[in-house]
Amino acid sequence: MNQYELALVVNAKVEDDVRNTVLETVKELIAKFGGNITNIEDAGKKRLAYEIQKMKEGYYYFIQFDADATVPAEIESRIRIMENVIRFLCIRRDEE
């Protein structure tokens, strides 16, 4: 099992319950493909470095999880089509 970190930027213009639904959906995706979530950090609302889809702010979430090497590609393919996710990045963490 490898360690991964998924960074999500969610639309800041949506309601709290919609943001929570997006986060729950991503958590379910990780679990569905056999990943084990170790930590979720809610970094809150932050200003974006540049405008994305005419938005200047977004909510940042950092999800750390353990999974097999094929899981990030499966998760990314489903996050890519989620309407309220502005940007995402999944990286493999180095073992310390």
PDB file of N, CA and C in Angstrom:
ATOM      1  N   MET A   1       0.838  -1.182   0.000  1.00  0.00           N
ATOM      2  CA  MET A   1       0.000   0.000   0.000  1.00  0.00           C
ATOM      3  C   MET A   1       0.887   1.251   0.000  1.00  0.00           C
ATOM      4  N   ASN A   2       0.513   2.187  -0.834  1.00  0.00           N
ATOM      5  CA  ASN A   2       1.220   3.456  -0.923  1.00  0.00           C
ATOM      6  C   ASN A   2       0.442   4.528  -0.172  1.00  0.00           C
ATOM      7  N   GLN A   3       1.149   5.579   0.216  1.00  0.00           N
ATOM      8  CA  GLN A   3       0.503   6.703   0.887  1.00  0.00           C
ATOM      9  C   GLN A   3       0.290   7.821  -0.120  1.00  0.00           C
ATOM     10  N   TYR A   4      -0.906   8.389  -0.132  1.00  0.00           N
ATOM     11  CA  TYR A   4      -1.260   9.453  -1.072  1.00  0.00           C
ATOM     12  C   TYR A   4      -1.878  10.628  -0.331  1.00  0.00           C
ATOM     13  N   GLU A   5      -1.805  11.787  -0.977  1.00  0.00           N
ATOM     14  CA  GLU A   5      -2.502  12.961  -0.475  1.00  0.00           C
ATOM     15  C   GLU A   5      -3.276  13.577  -1.626  1.00  0.00           C
ATOM     16  N   LEU A   6      -4.552  13.808  -1.397  1.00  0.00           N
ATOM     17  CA  LEU A   6      -5.441  14.395  -2.393  1.00  0.00           C
ATOM     18  C   LEU A   6      -5.806  15.799  -1.939  1.00  0.00           C
ATOM     19  N   ALA A   7      -5.486  16.785  -2.764  1.00  0.00           N
ATOM     20  CA  ALA A   7      -5.857  18.172  -2.482  1.00  0.00           C
ATOM     21  C   ALA A   7      -7.068  18.509  -3.344  1.00  0.00           C
ATOM     22  N   LEU A   8      -8.107  19.023  -2.709  1.00  0.00           N
ATOM     23  CA  LEU A   8      -9.344  19.403  -3.407  1.00  0.00           C
ATOM     24  C   LEU A   8      -9.603  20.883  -3.195  1.00  0.00           C
ATOM     25  N   VAL A   9     -10.002  21.560  -4.257  1.00  0.00           N
ATOM     26  CA  VAL A   9     -10.476  22.933  -4.150  1.00  0.00           C
ATOM     27  C   VAL A   9     -11.925  22.911  -4.608  1.00  0.00           C
ATOM     28  N   VAL A  10     -12.831  23.242  -3.676  1.00  0.00           N
ATOM     29  CA  VAL A  10     -14.265  23.181  -3.931  1.00  0.00           C
ATOM     30  C   VAL A  10     -14.801  24.603  -4.086  1.00  0.00           C
ATOM     31  N   ASN A  11     -15.755  24.755  -4.964  1.00  0.00           N
ATOM     32  CA  ASN A  11     -16.397  26.036  -5.242  1.00  0.00           C
ATOM     33  C   ASN A  11     -16.847  26.708  -3.945  1.00  0.00           C
ATOM     34  N   ALA A  12     -16.444  27.964  -3.743  1.00  0.00           N
ATOM     35  CA  ALA A  12     -16.793  28.691  -2.517  1.00  0.00           C
ATOM     36  C   ALA A  12     -18.192  29.287  -2.574  1.00  0.00           C
ATOM     37  N   LYS A  13     -18.811  29.306  -3.744  1.00  0.00           N
ATOM     38  CA  LYS A  13     -20.123  29.930  -3.900  1.00  0.00           C
ATOM     39  C   LYS A  13     -21.280  28.995  -3.579  1.00  0.00           C
ATOM     40  N   VAL A  14     -20.999  27.734  -3.301  1.00  0.00           N
ATOM     41  CA  VAL A  14     -22.070  26.782  -3.004  1.00  0.00           C
ATOM     42  C   VAL A  14     -22.328  26.739  -1.495  1.00  0.00           C
ATOM     43  N   GLU A  15     -23.470  26.191  -1.124  1.00  0.00           N
ATOM     44  CA  GLU A  15     -23.863  26.093   0.281  1.00  0.00           C
ATOM     45  C   GLU A  15     -22.991  25.068   1.025  1.00  0.00           C
ATOM     46  N   ASP A  16     -23.013  25.146   2.352  1.00  0.00           N
ATOM     47  CA  ASP A  16     -22.232  24.236   3.190  1.00  0.00           C
ATOM     48  C   ASP A  16     -22.608  22.778   2.968  1.00  0.00           C
ATOM     49  N   ASP A  17     -23.909  22.504   2.831  1.00  0.00           N
ATOM     50  CA  ASP A  17     -24.329  21.113   2.655  1.00  0.00           C
ATOM     51  C   ASP A  17     -23.856  20.546   1.325  1.00  0.00           C
ATOM     52  N   VAL A  18     -23.737  21.371   0.298  1.00  0.00           N
ATOM     53  CA  VAL A  18     -23.227  20.905  -1.000  1.00  0.00           C
ATOM     54  C   VAL A  18     -21.741  20.571  -0.881  1.00  0.00           C
ATOM     55  N   ARG A  19     -20.996  21.427  -0.178  1.00  0.00           N
ATOM     56  CA  ARG A  19     -19.565  21.162   0.034  1.00  0.00           C
ATOM     57  C   ARG A  19     -19.368  19.883   0.829  1.00  0.00           C
ATOM     58  N   ASN A  20     -20.188  19.692   1.858  1.00  0.00           N
ATOM     59  CA  ASN A  20     -20.097  18.464   2.650  1.00  0.00           C
ATOM     60  C   ASN A  20     -20.435  17.240   1.815  1.00  0.00           C
ATOM     61  N   THR A  21     -21.393  17.365   0.912  1.00  0.00           N
ATOM     62  CA  THR A  21     -21.750  16.263   0.016  1.00  0.00           C
ATOM     63  C   THR A  21     -20.589  15.909  -0.904  1.00  0.00           C
ATOM     64  N   VAL A  22     -19.900  16.926  -1.425  1.00  0.00           N
ATOM     65  CA  VAL A  22     -18.729  16.689  -2.279  1.00  0.00           C
ATOM     66  C   VAL A  22     -17.658  15.938  -1.499  1.00  0.00           C
ATOM     67  N   LEU A  23     -17.394  16.379  -0.277  1.00  0.00           N
ATOM     68  CA  LEU A  23     -16.379  15.727   0.551  1.00  0.00           C
ATOM     69  C   LEU A  23     -16.772  14.284   0.871  1.00  0.00           C
ATOM     70  N   GLU A  24     -18.025  14.058   1.209  1.00  0.00           N
ATOM     71  CA  GLU A  24     -18.497  12.697   1.495  1.00  0.00           C
ATOM     72  C   GLU A  24     -18.396  11.803   0.260  1.00  0.00           C
ATOM     73  N   THR A  25     -18.699  12.360  -0.900  1.00  0.00           N
ATOM     74  CA  THR A  25     -18.606  11.592  -2.152  1.00  0.00           C
ATOM     75  C   THR A  25     -17.171  11.158  -2.407  1.00  0.00           C
ATOM     76  N   VAL A  26     -16.230  12.062  -2.197  1.00  0.00           N
ATOM     77  CA  VAL A  26     -14.814  11.729  -2.396  1.00  0.00           C
ATOM     78  C   VAL A  26     -14.367  10.676  -1.395  1.00  0.00           C
ATOM     79  N   LYS A  27     -14.804  10.797  -0.143  1.00  0.00           N
ATOM     80  CA  LYS A  27     -14.471   9.788   0.863  1.00  0.00           C
ATOM     81  C   LYS A  27     -15.032   8.424   0.480  1.00  0.00           C
ATOM     82  N   GLU A  28     -16.248   8.402  -0.041  1.00  0.00           N
ATOM     83  CA  GLU A  28     -16.849   7.139  -0.482  1.00  0.00           C
ATOM     84  C   GLU A  28     -16.098   6.540  -1.665  1.00  0.00           C
ATOM     85  N   LEU A  29     -15.623   7.394  -2.577  1.00  0.00           N
ATOM     86  CA  LEU A  29     -14.845   6.905  -3.722  1.00  0.00           C
ATOM     87  C   LEU A  29     -13.565   6.230  -3.256  1.00  0.00           C
ATOM     88  N   ILE A  30     -12.877   6.857  -2.313  1.00  0.00           N
ATOM     89  CA  ILE A  30     -11.629   6.278  -1.800  1.00  0.00           C
ATOM     90  C   ILE A  30     -11.912   4.924  -1.163  1.00  0.00           C
ATOM     91  N   ALA A  31     -12.960   4.849  -0.355  1.00  0.00           N
ATOM     92  CA  ALA A  31     -13.309   3.586   0.300  1.00  0.00           C
ATOM     93  C   ALA A  31     -13.769   2.539  -0.704  1.00  0.00           C
ATOM     94  N   LYS A  32     -14.490   2.964  -1.738  1.00  0.00           N
ATOM     95  CA  LYS A  32     -15.016   2.041  -2.747  1.00  0.00           C
ATOM     96  C   LYS A  32     -13.895   1.297  -3.464  1.00  0.00           C
ATOM     97  N   PHE A  33     -12.784   1.994  -3.718  1.00  0.00           N
ATOM     98  CA  PHE A  33     -11.676   1.371  -4.439  1.00  0.00           C
ATOM     99  C   PHE A  33     -10.619   0.784  -3.517  1.00  0.00           C
ATOM    100  N   GLY A  34     -10.946   0.634  -2.243  1.00  0.00           N
ATOM    101  CA  GLY A  34     -10.052  -0.067  -1.324  1.00  0.00           C
ATOM    102  C   GLY A  34      -9.066   0.814  -0.595  1.00  0.00           C
ATOM    103  N   GLY A  35      -9.249   2.120  -0.639  1.00  0.00           N
ATOM    104  CA  GLY A  35      -8.352   3.019   0.077  1.00  0.00           C
ATOM    105  C   GLY A  35      -8.763   3.155   1.531  1.00  0.00           C
ATOM    106  N   ASN A  36      -7.803   3.532   2.350  1.00  0.00           N
ATOM    107  CA  ASN A  36      -8.042   3.717   3.783  1.00  0.00           C
ATOM    108  C   ASN A  36      -7.650   5.148   4.149  1.00  0.00           C
ATOM    109  N   ILE A  37      -8.623   5.988   4.507  1.00  0.00           N
ATOM    110  CA  ILE A  37      -8.364   7.384   4.823  1.00  0.00           C
ATOM    111  C   ILE A  37      -7.693   7.469   6.188  1.00  0.00           C
ATOM    112  N   THR A  38      -6.554   8.180   6.239  1.00  0.00           N
ATOM    113  CA  THR A  38      -5.823   8.324   7.494  1.00  0.00           C
ATOM    114  C   THR A  38      -6.005   9.697   8.115  1.00  0.00           C
ATOM    115  N   ASN A  39      -6.242  10.739   7.299  1.00  0.00           N
ATOM    116  CA  ASN A  39      -6.388  12.089   7.837  1.00  0.00           C
ATOM    117  C   ASN A  39      -7.126  12.967   6.831  1.00  0.00           C
ATOM    118  N   ILE A  40      -7.978  13.854   7.342  1.00  0.00           N
ATOM    119  CA  ILE A  40      -8.651  14.848   6.503  1.00  0.00           C
ATOM    120  C   ILE A  40      -8.421  16.208   7.144  1.00  0.00           C
ATOM    121  N   GLU A  41      -7.842  17.119   6.376  1.00  0.00           N
ATOM    122  CA  GLU A  41      -7.598  18.470   6.875  1.00  0.00           C
ATOM    123  C   GLU A  41      -8.473  19.444   6.099  1.00  0.00           C
ATOM    124  N   ASP A  42      -9.283  20.186   6.830  1.00  0.00           N
ATOM    125  CA  ASP A  42     -10.118  21.229   6.235  1.00  0.00           C
ATOM    126  C   ASP A  42      -9.359  22.541   6.397  1.00  0.00           C
ATOM    127  N   ALA A  43      -8.757  23.027   5.309  1.00  0.00           N
ATOM    128  CA  ALA A  43      -7.955  24.251   5.372  1.00  0.00           C
ATOM    129  C   ALA A  43      -8.815  25.497   5.253  1.00  0.00           C
ATOM    130  N   GLY A  44     -10.092  25.335   4.969  1.00  0.00           N
ATOM    131  CA  GLY A  44     -11.020  26.454   4.938  1.00  0.00           C
ATOM    132  C   GLY A  44     -11.019  27.222   3.634  1.00  0.00           C
ATOM    133  N   LYS A  45     -11.645  28.384   3.700  1.00  0.00           N
ATOM    134  CA  LYS A  45     -11.813  29.232   2.517  1.00  0.00           C
ATOM    135  C   LYS A  45     -10.562  30.071   2.319  1.00  0.00           C
ATOM    136  N   LYS A  46      -9.997  29.998   1.122  1.00  0.00           N
ATOM    137  CA  LYS A  46      -8.782  30.753   0.804  1.00  0.00           C
ATOM    138  C   LYS A  46      -8.913  31.406  -0.556  1.00  0.00           C
ATOM    139  N   ARG A  47      -8.167  32.454  -0.737  1.00  0.00           N
ATOM    140  CA  ARG A  47      -8.125  33.148  -2.016  1.00  0.00           C
ATOM    141  C   ARG A  47      -7.266  32.343  -2.987  1.00  0.00           C
ATOM    142  N   LEU A  48      -7.749  32.177  -4.203  1.00  0.00           N
ATOM    143  CA  LEU A  48      -7.008  31.450  -5.222  1.00  0.00           C
ATOM    144  C   LEU A  48      -5.869  32.319  -5.760  1.00  0.00           C
ATOM    145  N   ALA A  49      -4.823  31.705  -6.248  1.00  0.00           N
ATOM    146  CA  ALA A  49      -3.691  32.445  -6.799  1.00  0.00           C
ATOM    147  C   ALA A  49      -4.093  33.187  -8.077  1.00  0.00           C
ATOM    148  N   TYR A  50      -5.036  32.624  -8.803  1.00  0.00           N
ATOM    149  CA  TYR A  50      -5.563  33.249 -10.018  1.00  0.00           C
ATOM    150  C   TYR A  50      -7.006  32.811 -10.191  1.00  0.00           C
ATOM    151  N   GLU A  51      -7.757  33.561 -10.956  1.00  0.00           N
ATOM    152  CA  GLU A  51      -9.166  33.240 -11.177  1.00  0.00           C
ATOM    153  C   GLU A  51      -9.316  31.928 -11.935  1.00  0.00           C
ATOM    154  N   ILE A  52     -10.238  31.116 -11.473  1.00  0.00           N
ATOM    155  CA  ILE A  52     -10.578  29.863 -12.146  1.00  0.00           C
ATOM    156  C   ILE A  52     -12.083  29.883 -12.342  1.00  0.00           C
ATOM    157  N   GLN A  53     -12.532  29.814 -13.570  1.00  0.00           N
ATOM    158  CA  GLN A  53     -13.955  29.832 -13.902  1.00  0.00           C
ATOM    159  C   GLN A  53     -14.657  31.025 -13.241  1.00  0.00           C
ATOM    160  N   LYS A  54     -14.016  32.190 -13.289  1.00  0.00           N
ATOM    161  CA  LYS A  54     -14.521  33.451 -12.735  1.00  0.00           C
ATOM    162  C   LYS A  54     -14.713  33.409 -11.217  1.00  0.00           C
ATOM    163  N   MET A  55     -13.961  32.540 -10.542  1.00  0.00           N
ATOM    164  CA  MET A  55     -14.016  32.449  -9.083  1.00  0.00           C
ATOM    165  C   MET A  55     -12.674  32.879  -8.515  1.00  0.00           C
ATOM    166  N   LYS A  56     -12.723  33.603  -7.411  1.00  0.00           N
ATOM    167  CA  LYS A  56     -11.507  34.100  -6.784  1.00  0.00           C
ATOM    168  C   LYS A  56     -11.184  33.384  -5.470  1.00  0.00           C
ATOM    169  N   GLU A  57     -12.145  32.600  -4.944  1.00  0.00           N
ATOM    170  CA  GLU A  57     -11.945  31.890  -3.685  1.00  0.00           C
ATOM    171  C   GLU A  57     -12.423  30.446  -3.805  1.00  0.00           C
ATOM    172  N   GLY A  58     -11.879  29.602  -2.941  1.00  0.00           N
ATOM    173  CA  GLY A  58     -12.293  28.209  -2.910  1.00  0.00           C
ATOM    174  C   GLY A  58     -12.049  27.612  -1.541  1.00  0.00           C
ATOM    175  N   TYR A  59     -12.718  26.524  -1.243  1.00  0.00           N
ATOM    176  CA  TYR A  59     -12.506  25.793   0.001  1.00  0.00           C
ATOM    177  C   TYR A  59     -11.509  24.675  -0.266  1.00  0.00           C
ATOM    178  N   TYR A  60     -10.480  24.598   0.581  1.00  0.00           N
ATOM    179  CA  TYR A  60      -9.408  23.634   0.405  1.00  0.00           C
ATOM    180  C   TYR A  60      -9.568  22.478   1.386  1.00  0.00           C
ATOM    181  N   TYR A  61      -9.418  21.258   0.862  1.00  0.00           N
ATOM    182  CA  TYR A  61      -9.421  20.045   1.672  1.00  0.00           C
ATOM    183  C   TYR A  61      -8.216  19.212   1.284  1.00  0.00           C
ATOM    184  N   PHE A  62      -7.540  18.651   2.288  1.00  0.00           N
ATOM    185  CA  PHE A  62      -6.407  17.767   2.057  1.00  0.00           C
ATOM    186  C   PHE A  62      -6.728  16.427   2.691  1.00  0.00           C
ATOM    187  N   ILE A  63      -6.811  15.392   1.853  1.00  0.00           N
ATOM    188  CA  ILE A  63      -7.193  14.060   2.319  1.00  0.00           C
ATOM    189  C   ILE A  63      -5.994  13.128   2.139  1.00  0.00           C
ATOM    190  N   GLN A  64      -5.534  12.553   3.245  1.00  0.00           N
ATOM    191  CA  GLN A  64      -4.433  11.593   3.188  1.00  0.00           C
ATOM    192  C   GLN A  64      -5.018  10.195   3.295  1.00  0.00           C
ATOM    193  N   PHE A  65      -4.525   9.302   2.424  1.00  0.00           N
ATOM    194  CA  PHE A  65      -5.055   7.937   2.442  1.00  0.00           C
ATOM    195  C   PHE A  65      -4.013   6.948   1.966  1.00  0.00           C
ATOM    196  N   ASP A  66      -4.214   5.692   2.340  1.00  0.00           N
ATOM    197  CA  ASP A  66      -3.377   4.577   1.907  1.00  0.00           C
ATOM    198  C   ASP A  66      -4.159   3.772   0.887  1.00  0.00           C
ATOM    199  N   ALA A  67      -3.498   3.404  -0.215  1.00  0.00           N
ATOM    200  CA  ALA A  67      -4.199   2.643  -1.248  1.00  0.00           C
ATOM    201  C   ALA A  67      -3.198   1.988  -2.189  1.00  0.00           C
ATOM    202  N   ASP A  68      -3.709   1.090  -3.035  1.00  0.00           N
ATOM    203  CA  ASP A  68      -2.888   0.477  -4.069  1.00  0.00           C
ATOM    204  C   ASP A  68      -2.587   1.496  -5.160  1.00  0.00           C
ATOM    205  N   ALA A  69      -1.653   1.182  -6.030  1.00  0.00           N
ATOM    206  CA  ALA A  69      -1.181   2.114  -7.054  1.00  0.00           C
ATOM    207  C   ALA A  69      -2.240   2.469  -8.102  1.00  0.00           C
ATOM    208  N   THR A  70      -3.253   1.642  -8.278  1.00  0.00           N
ATOM    209  CA  THR A  70      -4.269   1.911  -9.305  1.00  0.00           C
ATOM    210  C   THR A  70      -5.391   2.829  -8.813  1.00  0.00           C
ATOM    211  N   VAL A  71      -5.499   3.004  -7.516  1.00  0.00           N
ATOM    212  CA  VAL A  71      -6.615   3.753  -6.934  1.00  0.00           C
ATOM    213  C   VAL A  71      -6.618   5.236  -7.308  1.00  0.00           C
ATOM    214  N   PRO A  72      -5.487   5.970  -7.261  1.00  0.00           N
ATOM    215  CA  PRO A  72      -5.542   7.397  -7.601  1.00  0.00           C
ATOM    216  C   PRO A  72      -6.092   7.687  -8.997  1.00  0.00           C
ATOM    217  N   ALA A  73      -5.764   6.884  -9.962  1.00  0.00           N
ATOM    218  CA  ALA A  73      -6.279   7.100 -11.319  1.00  0.00           C
ATOM    219  C   ALA A  73      -7.796   6.920 -11.360  1.00  0.00           C
ATOM    220  N   GLU A  74      -8.304   5.936 -10.643  1.00  0.00           N
ATOM    221  CA  GLU A  74      -9.752   5.711 -10.588  1.00  0.00           C
ATOM    222  C   GLU A  74     -10.464   6.888  -9.921  1.00  0.00           C
ATOM    223  N   ILE A  75      -9.893   7.360  -8.826  1.00  0.00           N
ATOM    224  CA  ILE A  75     -10.492   8.477  -8.097  1.00  0.00           C
ATOM    225  C   ILE A  75     -10.463   9.745  -8.947  1.00  0.00           C
ATOM    226  N   GLU A  76      -9.313  10.038  -9.569  1.00  0.00           N
ATOM    227  CA  GLU A  76      -9.180  11.238 -10.389  1.00  0.00           C
ATOM    228  C   GLU A  76     -10.161  11.247 -11.556  1.00  0.00           C
ATOM    229  N   SER A  77     -10.386  10.097 -12.166  1.00  0.00           N
ATOM    230  CA  SER A  77     -11.302  10.055 -13.305  1.00  0.00           C
ATOM    231  C   SER A  77     -12.731  10.404 -12.892  1.00  0.00           C
ATOM    232  N   ARG A  78     -13.083  10.116 -11.655  1.00  0.00           N
ATOM    233  CA  ARG A  78     -14.434  10.447 -11.175  1.00  0.00           C
ATOM    234  C   ARG A  78     -14.519  11.867 -10.612  1.00  0.00           C
ATOM    235  N   ILE A  79     -13.446  12.346  -9.980  1.00  0.00           N
ATOM    236  CA  ILE A  79     -13.432  13.717  -9.468  1.00  0.00           C
ATOM    237  C   ILE A  79     -13.438  14.714 -10.628  1.00  0.00           C
ATOM    238  N   ARG A  80     -12.799  14.357 -11.705  1.00  0.00           N
ATOM    239  CA  ARG A  80     -12.690  15.246 -12.872  1.00  0.00           C
ATOM    240  C   ARG A  80     -14.069  15.711 -13.372  1.00  0.00           C
ATOM    241  N   ILE A  81     -15.095  14.876 -13.235  1.00  0.00           N
ATOM    242  CA  ILE A  81     -16.421  15.236 -13.750  1.00  0.00           C
ATOM    243  C   ILE A  81     -17.345  15.794 -12.672  1.00  0.00           C
ATOM    244  N   MET A  82     -16.843  15.971 -11.458  1.00  0.00           N
ATOM    245  CA  MET A  82     -17.667  16.541 -10.383  1.00  0.00           C
ATOM    246  C   MET A  82     -17.800  18.041 -10.607  1.00  0.00           C
ATOM    247  N   GLU A  83     -19.018  18.502 -10.565  1.00  0.00           N
ATOM    248  CA  GLU A  83     -19.344  19.878 -10.938  1.00  0.00           C
ATOM    249  C   GLU A  83     -18.743  20.929 -10.002  1.00  0.00           C
ATOM    250  N   ASN A  84     -18.749  20.698  -8.700  1.00  0.00           N
ATOM    251  CA  ASN A  84     -18.332  21.716  -7.743  1.00  0.00           C
ATOM    252  C   ASN A  84     -16.857  21.651  -7.353  1.00  0.00           C
ATOM    253  N   VAL A  85     -16.092  20.723  -7.936  1.00  0.00           N
ATOM    254  CA  VAL A  85     -14.657  20.663  -7.680  1.00  0.00           C
ATOM    255  C   VAL A  85     -13.959  21.520  -8.737  1.00  0.00           C
ATOM    256  N   ILE A  86     -13.274  22.567  -8.262  1.00  0.00           N
ATOM    257  CA  ILE A  86     -12.596  23.482  -9.180  1.00  0.00           C
ATOM    258  C   ILE A  86     -11.276  22.877  -9.655  1.00  0.00           C
ATOM    259  N   ARG A  87     -10.465  22.417  -8.697  1.00  0.00           N
ATOM    260  CA  ARG A  87      -9.177  21.800  -9.004  1.00  0.00           C
ATOM    261  C   ARG A  87      -8.932  20.662  -8.027  1.00  0.00           C
ATOM    262  N   PHE A  88      -8.056  19.723  -8.421  1.00  0.00           N
ATOM    263  CA  PHE A  88      -7.658  18.632  -7.547  1.00  0.00           C
ATOM    264  C   PHE A  88      -6.262  18.186  -7.938  1.00  0.00           C
ATOM    265  N   LEU A  89      -5.578  17.581  -6.997  1.00  0.00           N
ATOM    266  CA  LEU A  89      -4.250  17.044  -7.256  1.00  0.00           C
ATOM    267  C   LEU A  89      -4.019  15.892  -6.294  1.00  0.00           C
ATOM    268  N   CYS A  90      -3.648  14.752  -6.832  1.00  0.00           N
ATOM    269  CA  CYS A  90      -3.356  13.584  -6.016  1.00  0.00           C
ATOM    270  C   CYS A  90      -1.878  13.250  -6.191  1.00  0.00           C
ATOM    271  N   ILE A  91      -1.143  13.224  -5.075  1.00  0.00           N
ATOM    272  CA  ILE A  91       0.284  12.920  -5.143  1.00  0.00           C
ATOM    273  C   ILE A  91       0.608  11.757  -4.211  1.00  0.00           C
ATOM    274  N   ARG A  92       1.689  11.064  -4.532  1.00  0.00           N
ATOM    275  CA  ARG A  92       2.163  10.000  -3.668  1.00  0.00           C
ATOM    276  C   ARG A  92       3.111  10.612  -2.649  1.00  0.00           C
ATOM    277  N   ARG A  93       2.873  10.305  -1.384  1.00  0.00           N
ATOM    278  CA  ARG A  93       3.718  10.829  -0.318  1.00  0.00           C
ATOM    279  C   ARG A  93       4.895   9.907  -0.120  1.00  0.00           C
ATOM    280  N   ASP A  94       6.047  10.495   0.141  1.00  0.00           N
ATOM    281  CA  ASP A  94       7.238   9.699   0.440  1.00  0.00           C
ATOM    282  C   ASP A  94       7.137   9.111   1.826  1.00  0.00           C
ATOM    283  N   GLU A  95       7.599   7.898   1.971  1.00  0.00           N
ATOM    284  CA  GLU A  95       7.579   7.272   3.279  1.00  0.00           C
ATOM    285  C   GLU A  95       8.710   7.852   4.107  1.00  0.00           C
ATOM    286  N   GLU A  96       8.367   8.203   5.333  1.00  0.00           N
ATOM    287  CA  GLU A  96       9.352   8.888   6.188  1.00  0.00           C
ATOM    288  C   GLU A  96      10.060   7.930   7.101  1.00  0.00           C
TER     289      GLU A  96
END
